[in-house]
C-alpha atoms as a PDB file:
ATOM      1  CA  MET A   1       4.316  10.774  11.920  1.00  0.00           C
ATOM      2  CA  ASP A   2       7.587   8.820  11.803  1.00  0.00           C
ATOM      3  CA  LEU A   3       8.529   7.904   8.248  1.00  0.00           C
ATOM      4  CA  SER A   4      11.740   6.538   6.794  1.00  0.00           C
ATOM      5  CA  GLU A   5      10.860   8.164   3.460  1.00  0.00           C
ATOM      6  CA  PRO A   6       8.870  11.388   3.222  1.00  0.00           C
ATOM      7  CA  ILE A   7       5.361  11.262   1.763  1.00  0.00           C
ATOM      8  CA  SER A   8       5.401  12.166  -1.933  1.00  0.00           C
ATOM      9  CA  VAL A   9       2.709  14.739  -2.673  1.00  0.00           C
ATOM     10  CA  LEU A  10       1.745  16.163  -6.062  1.00  0.00           C
ATOM     11  CA  TYR A  11      -0.126  19.472  -6.023  1.00  0.00           C
ATOM     12  CA  VAL A  12      -1.717  20.603  -9.308  1.00  0.00           C
ATOM     13  CA  ASP A  13      -2.963  24.189  -9.561  1.00  0.00           C
ATOM     14  CA  ASP A  14      -2.856  26.738 -12.382  1.00  0.00           C
ATOM     15  CA  GLU A  15      -2.136  29.561  -9.919  1.00  0.00           C
ATOM     16  CA  ILE A  16       1.630  29.773  -9.377  1.00  0.00           C
ATOM     17  CA  HIS A  17       1.329  31.630  -6.053  1.00  0.00           C
ATOM     18  CA  ASN A  18      -0.726  28.709  -4.645  1.00  0.00           C
ATOM     19  CA  LEU A  19       1.972  26.260  -5.778  1.00  0.00           C
ATOM     20  CA  ASN A  20       4.700  28.420  -4.241  1.00  0.00           C
ATOM     21  CA  SER A  21       2.784  28.750  -0.977  1.00  0.00           C
ATOM     22  CA  PHE A  22       2.222  24.988  -0.812  1.00  0.00           C
ATOM     23  CA  ARG A  23       5.875  24.266  -1.569  1.00  0.00           C
ATOM     24  CA  ALA A  24       7.056  26.771   1.045  1.00  0.00           C
ATOM     25  CA  SER A  25       4.707  25.342   3.675  1.00  0.00           C
ATOM     26  CA  PHE A  26       5.408  21.649   3.138  1.00  0.00           C
ATOM     27  CA  ARG A  27       8.830  21.182   1.509  1.00  0.00           C
ATOM     28  CA  ARG A  28      10.412  20.265   4.856  1.00  0.00           C
ATOM     29  CA  THR A  29       7.638  17.825   5.797  1.00  0.00           C
ATOM     30  CA  PHE A  30       6.874  16.083   2.485  1.00  0.00           C
ATOM     31  CA  LYS A  31       8.532  15.388  -0.843  1.00  0.00           C
ATOM     32  CA  VAL A  32       6.638  18.041  -2.804  1.00  0.00           C
ATOM     33  CA  PHE A  33       5.961  18.019  -6.534  1.00  0.00           C
ATOM     34  CA  THR A  34       3.980  20.824  -8.148  1.00  0.00           C
ATOM     35  CA  ALA A  35       2.400  21.212 -11.564  1.00  0.00           C
ATOM     36  CA  GLU A  36       0.674  24.152 -13.254  1.00  0.00           C
ATOM     37  CA  SER A  37      -1.527  21.925 -15.453  1.00  0.00           C
ATOM     38  CA  ALA A  38      -3.068  18.477 -15.650  1.00  0.00           C
ATOM     39  CA  ALA A  39      -0.664  17.488 -18.446  1.00  0.00           C
ATOM     40  CA  GLU A  40       2.334  18.548 -16.349  1.00  0.00           C
ATOM     41  CA  GLY A  41       0.881  16.664 -13.366  1.00  0.00           C
ATOM     42  CA  ARG A  42       0.569  13.500 -15.436  1.00  0.00           C
ATOM     43  CA  LYS A  43       4.233  13.778 -16.511  1.00  0.00           C
ATOM     44  CA  ILE A  44       5.247  13.996 -12.848  1.00  0.00           C
ATOM     45  CA  LEU A  45       3.141  10.904 -12.060  1.00  0.00           C
ATOM     46  CA  GLU A  46       4.830   9.023 -14.909  1.00  0.00           C
ATOM     47  CA  ALA A  47       8.281   9.855 -13.540  1.00  0.00           C
ATOM     48  CA  ASN A  48       7.775   9.647  -9.759  1.00  0.00           C
ATOM     49  CA  PRO A  49       6.049   7.416  -7.202  1.00  0.00           C
ATOM     50  CA  ILE A  50       3.339   9.652  -5.718  1.00  0.00           C
ATOM     51  CA  GLN A  51       1.208   8.668  -2.736  1.00  0.00           C
ATOM     52  CA  VAL A  52      -1.060  11.733  -2.431  1.00  0.00           C
ATOM     53  CA  ILE A  53      -2.445  13.991  -5.171  1.00  0.00           C
ATOM     54  CA  ILE A  54      -3.975  17.374  -4.417  1.00  0.00           C
ATOM     55  CA  THR A  55      -5.595  19.277  -7.252  1.00  0.00           C
ATOM     56  CA  ASP A  56      -7.458  22.521  -7.628  1.00  0.00           C
ATOM     57  CA  GLN A  57     -10.914  22.113  -9.148  1.00  0.00           C
ATOM     58  CA  ARG A  58     -11.012  25.178 -11.388  1.00  0.00           C
ATOM     59  CA  MET A  59      -8.240  25.128 -13.956  1.00  0.00           C
ATOM     60  CA  PRO A  60      -8.325  26.322 -17.584  1.00  0.00           C
ATOM     61  CA  GLN A  61      -7.746  23.234 -19.775  1.00  0.00           C
ATOM     62  CA  MET A  62      -9.123  20.561 -17.450  1.00  0.00           C
ATOM     63  CA  THR A  63     -10.911  20.660 -14.092  1.00  0.00           C
ATOM     64  CA  GLY A  64      -9.443  18.892 -11.113  1.00  0.00           C
ATOM     65  CA  ILE A  65     -12.137  16.213 -11.309  1.00  0.00           C
ATOM     66  CA  GLU A  66     -11.444  15.652 -15.010  1.00  0.00           C
ATOM     67  CA  PHE A  67      -7.727  15.357 -14.214  1.00  0.00           C
ATOM     68  CA  LEU A  68      -8.345  12.797 -11.468  1.00  0.00           C
ATOM     69  CA  ALA A  69     -10.719  10.764 -13.657  1.00  0.00           C
ATOM     70  CA  TRP A  70      -8.164  10.918 -16.520  1.00  0.00           C
ATOM     71  CA  ILE A  71      -5.310   9.465 -14.449  1.00  0.00           C
ATOM     72  CA  ILE A  72      -7.235   6.741 -12.570  1.00  0.00           C
ATOM     73  CA  PRO A  73      -6.694   4.004 -15.204  1.00  0.00           C
ATOM     74  CA  ASP A  74      -2.907   4.456 -15.141  1.00  0.00           C
ATOM     75  CA  PHE A  75      -2.427   5.683 -11.548  1.00  0.00           C
ATOM     76  CA  PRO A  76      -5.164   4.121  -9.387  1.00  0.00           C
ATOM     77  CA  ASP A  77      -3.231   4.011  -6.111  1.00  0.00           C
ATOM     78  CA  PRO A  78      -2.510   7.618  -5.055  1.00  0.00           C
ATOM     79  CA  ILE A  79      -5.034   9.087  -2.647  1.00  0.00           C
ATOM     80  CA  ARG A  80      -6.825  12.084  -4.145  1.00  0.00           C
ATOM     81  CA  ILE A  81      -7.726  15.403  -2.518  1.00  0.00           C
ATOM     82  CA  LEU A  82      -9.742  18.099  -4.299  1.00  0.00           C
ATOM     83  CA  LEU A  83      -9.094  21.696  -3.268  1.00  0.00           C
ATOM     84  CA  THR A  84     -11.342  24.542  -4.333  1.00  0.00           C
ATOM     85  CA  GLY A  85     -12.344  28.058  -3.422  1.00  0.00           C
ATOM     86  CA  TYR A  86     -15.896  27.482  -4.639  1.00  0.00           C
ATOM     87  CA  ALA A  87     -18.691  25.537  -2.968  1.00  0.00           C
ATOM     88  CA  ASP A  88     -20.447  23.486  -5.620  1.00  0.00           C
ATOM     89  CA  ILE A  89     -22.428  20.387  -4.639  1.00  0.00           C
ATOM     90  CA  ASN A  90     -22.244  18.981  -8.188  1.00  0.00           C
ATOM     91  CA  ALA A  91     -18.458  19.231  -8.069  1.00  0.00           C
ATOM     92  CA  VAL A  92     -18.464  17.370  -4.750  1.00  0.00           C
ATOM     93  CA  ILE A  93     -20.646  14.596  -6.190  1.00  0.00           C
ATOM     94  CA  ASP A  94     -18.495  14.330  -9.331  1.00  0.00           C
ATOM     95  CA  ALA A  95     -15.341  14.337  -7.217  1.00  0.00           C
ATOM     96  CA  ILE A  96     -16.567  11.328  -5.297  1.00  0.00           C
ATOM     97  CA  ASN A  97     -18.056   9.440  -8.231  1.00  0.00           C
ATOM     98  CA  LEU A  98     -15.652  10.251 -11.066  1.00  0.00           C
ATOM     99  CA  GLY A  99     -12.426  11.270  -9.387  1.00  0.00           C
ATOM    100  CA  GLN A 100     -12.527   8.849  -6.451  1.00  0.00           C
ATOM    101  CA  VAL A 101     -11.672  11.711  -4.113  1.00  0.00           C
ATOM    102  CA  TYR A 102     -10.761  10.963  -0.513  1.00  0.00           C
ATOM    103  CA  LYS A 103     -11.321  14.513   0.727  1.00  0.00           C
ATOM    104  CA  TYR A 104     -12.830  17.734  -0.622  1.00  0.00           C
ATOM    105  CA  LEU A 105     -11.261  20.833   0.981  1.00  0.00           C
ATOM    106  CA  GLN A 106     -12.122  24.508   0.737  1.00  0.00           C
ATOM    107  CA  LYS A 107      -9.593  27.238   0.001  1.00  0.00           C
ATOM    108  CA  PRO A 108      -7.997  28.949   1.728  1.00  0.00           C
ATOM    109  CA  TRP A 109      -6.445  25.981   3.479  1.00  0.00           C
ATOM    110  CA  THR A 110      -4.689  26.132   6.804  1.00  0.00           C
ATOM    111  CA  GLU A 111      -1.295  24.518   7.055  1.00  0.00           C
ATOM    112  CA  ASP A 112      -2.200  22.283  10.018  1.00  0.00           C
ATOM    113  CA  ASP A 113      -5.482  21.061   8.490  1.00  0.00           C
ATOM    114  CA  LEU A 114      -3.888  20.284   5.141  1.00  0.00           C
ATOM    115  CA  ARG A 115      -0.883  18.568   6.767  1.00  0.00           C
ATOM    116  CA  ILE A 116      -3.178  16.348   8.850  1.00  0.00           C
ATOM    117  CA  THR A 117      -5.300  15.553   5.783  1.00  0.00           C
ATOM    118  CA  ILE A 118      -2.193  14.569   3.802  1.00  0.00           C
ATOM    119  CA  GLU A 119      -0.945  12.371   6.661  1.00  0.00           C
ATOM    120  CA  LYS A 120      -4.352  10.655   6.961  1.00  0.00           C
ATOM    121  CA  ALA A 121      -4.435  10.161   3.175  1.00  0.00           C
ATOM    122  CA  TYR A 122      -0.990   8.556   3.371  1.00  0.00           C
ATOM    123  CA  GLU A 123      -2.183   6.216   6.127  1.00  0.00           C
ATOM    124  CA  LEU A 124      -5.016   5.134   3.823  1.00  0.00           C
ATOM    125  CA  PHE A 125      -2.535   4.678   0.956  1.00  0.00           C
ATOM    126  CA  MET A 126      -0.374   2.408   3.128  1.00  0.00           C
ATOM    127  CA  LEU A 127      -3.363   0.419   4.420  1.00  0.00           C
ATOM    128  CA  ARG A 128      -4.533  -0.227   0.866  1.00  0.00           C
ATOM    129  CA  LYS A 129      -1.025  -1.238  -0.173  1.00  0.00           C
ATOM    130  CA  GLU A 130      -0.734  -3.636   2.764  1.00  0.00           C
ATOM    131  CA  ASN A 131      -4.171  -5.055   1.957  1.00  0.00           C
ATOM    132  CA  ARG A 132      -3.139  -5.735  -1.663  1.00  0.00           C
ATOM    133  CA  GLU A 133       0.077  -7.418  -0.500  1.00  0.00           C
ATOM    134  CA  LEU A 134      -1.749  -9.598   2.046  1.00  0.00           C
ATOM    135  CA  THR A 135      -4.375 -10.540  -0.527  1.00  0.00           C
ATOM    136  CA  GLN A 136      -1.643 -11.567  -2.956  1.00  0.00           C
ATOM    137  CA  LYS A 137       0.032 -13.705  -0.250  1.00  0.00           C
ATOM    138  CA  LEU A 138      -3.314 -15.351   0.505  1.00  0.00           C
ATOM    139  CA  ILE A 139      -3.873 -16.130  -3.190  1.00  0.00           C
ATOM    140  CA  GLU A 140      -0.412 -17.703  -3.408  1.00  0.00           C
ATOM    141  CA  ALA A 141      -0.962 -19.737  -0.225  1.00  0.00           C
ATOM    142  CA  ASN A 142      -4.310 -20.989  -1.580  1.00  0.00           C
ATOM    143  CA  LYS A 143      -2.662 -22.012  -4.873  1.00  0.00           C
ATOM    144  CA  GLN A 144      -0.001 -23.959  -2.974  1.00  0.00           C
ATOM    145  CA  LEU A 145      -2.632 -25.614  -0.796  1.00  0.00           C
ATOM    146  CA  GLU A 146      -4.731 -26.566  -3.834  1.00  0.00           C
ATOM    147  CA  ALA A 147      -1.667 -27.973  -5.597  1.00  0.00           C
ATOM    148  CA  GLY A 148      -0.807 -30.043  -2.518  1.00  0.00           C
ATOM    149  CA  LEU A 149      -4.362 -31.344  -2.218  1.00  0.00           C
ATOM    150  CA  GLN A 150      -4.457 -32.187  -5.928  1.00  0.00           C
ATOM    151  CA  LYS A 151      -1.140 -34.052  -5.592  1.00  0.00           C
ATOM    152  CA  ASP A 152      -2.530 -36.007  -2.606  1.00  0.00           C
ATOM    153  CA  PHE A 153      -5.699 -36.792  -4.586  1.00  0.00           C
ATOM    154  CA  ASP A 154      -3.735 -37.902  -7.680  1.00  0.00           C
ATOM    155  CA  THR A 155      -1.493 -40.223  -5.620  1.00  0.00           C
ATOM    156  CA  GLY A 156      -4.419 -41.560  -3.630  1.00  0.00           C
ATOM    157  CA  SER A 157      -3.095 -40.370  -0.300  1.00  0.00           C
END
């Protein structure tokens, strides 16, 4: 994937060795941010433009789903990936419904699979961004057209 700027990825996990492994695997490919807690992850989001968020499901203070649901109002745009070592259908359902998760992945992850998932998530991020920009341009064009038609109507043209 040819990018002028690397993809910014935030990985939240309470296990430091997972964070270190992720950083070691992807620091040359992506702009990697890591956090050991949901609160630390939120601080990173407040300070940095992040396109993709990966979070572990099972963390002490707040689950990954709770973290994703907590940040949606303030950070709706990043694409969300839930990573867990446990298969739990209720967690999958909550991830989709509450956390607006793009992908649910099982641990242990493989470097190639996770890299491809992050790249696909970034493509979705960019498509959504482009869609918002095009929608805004269309709204502006419609306003200009309506103003022109109103002017023609008012002048009797």
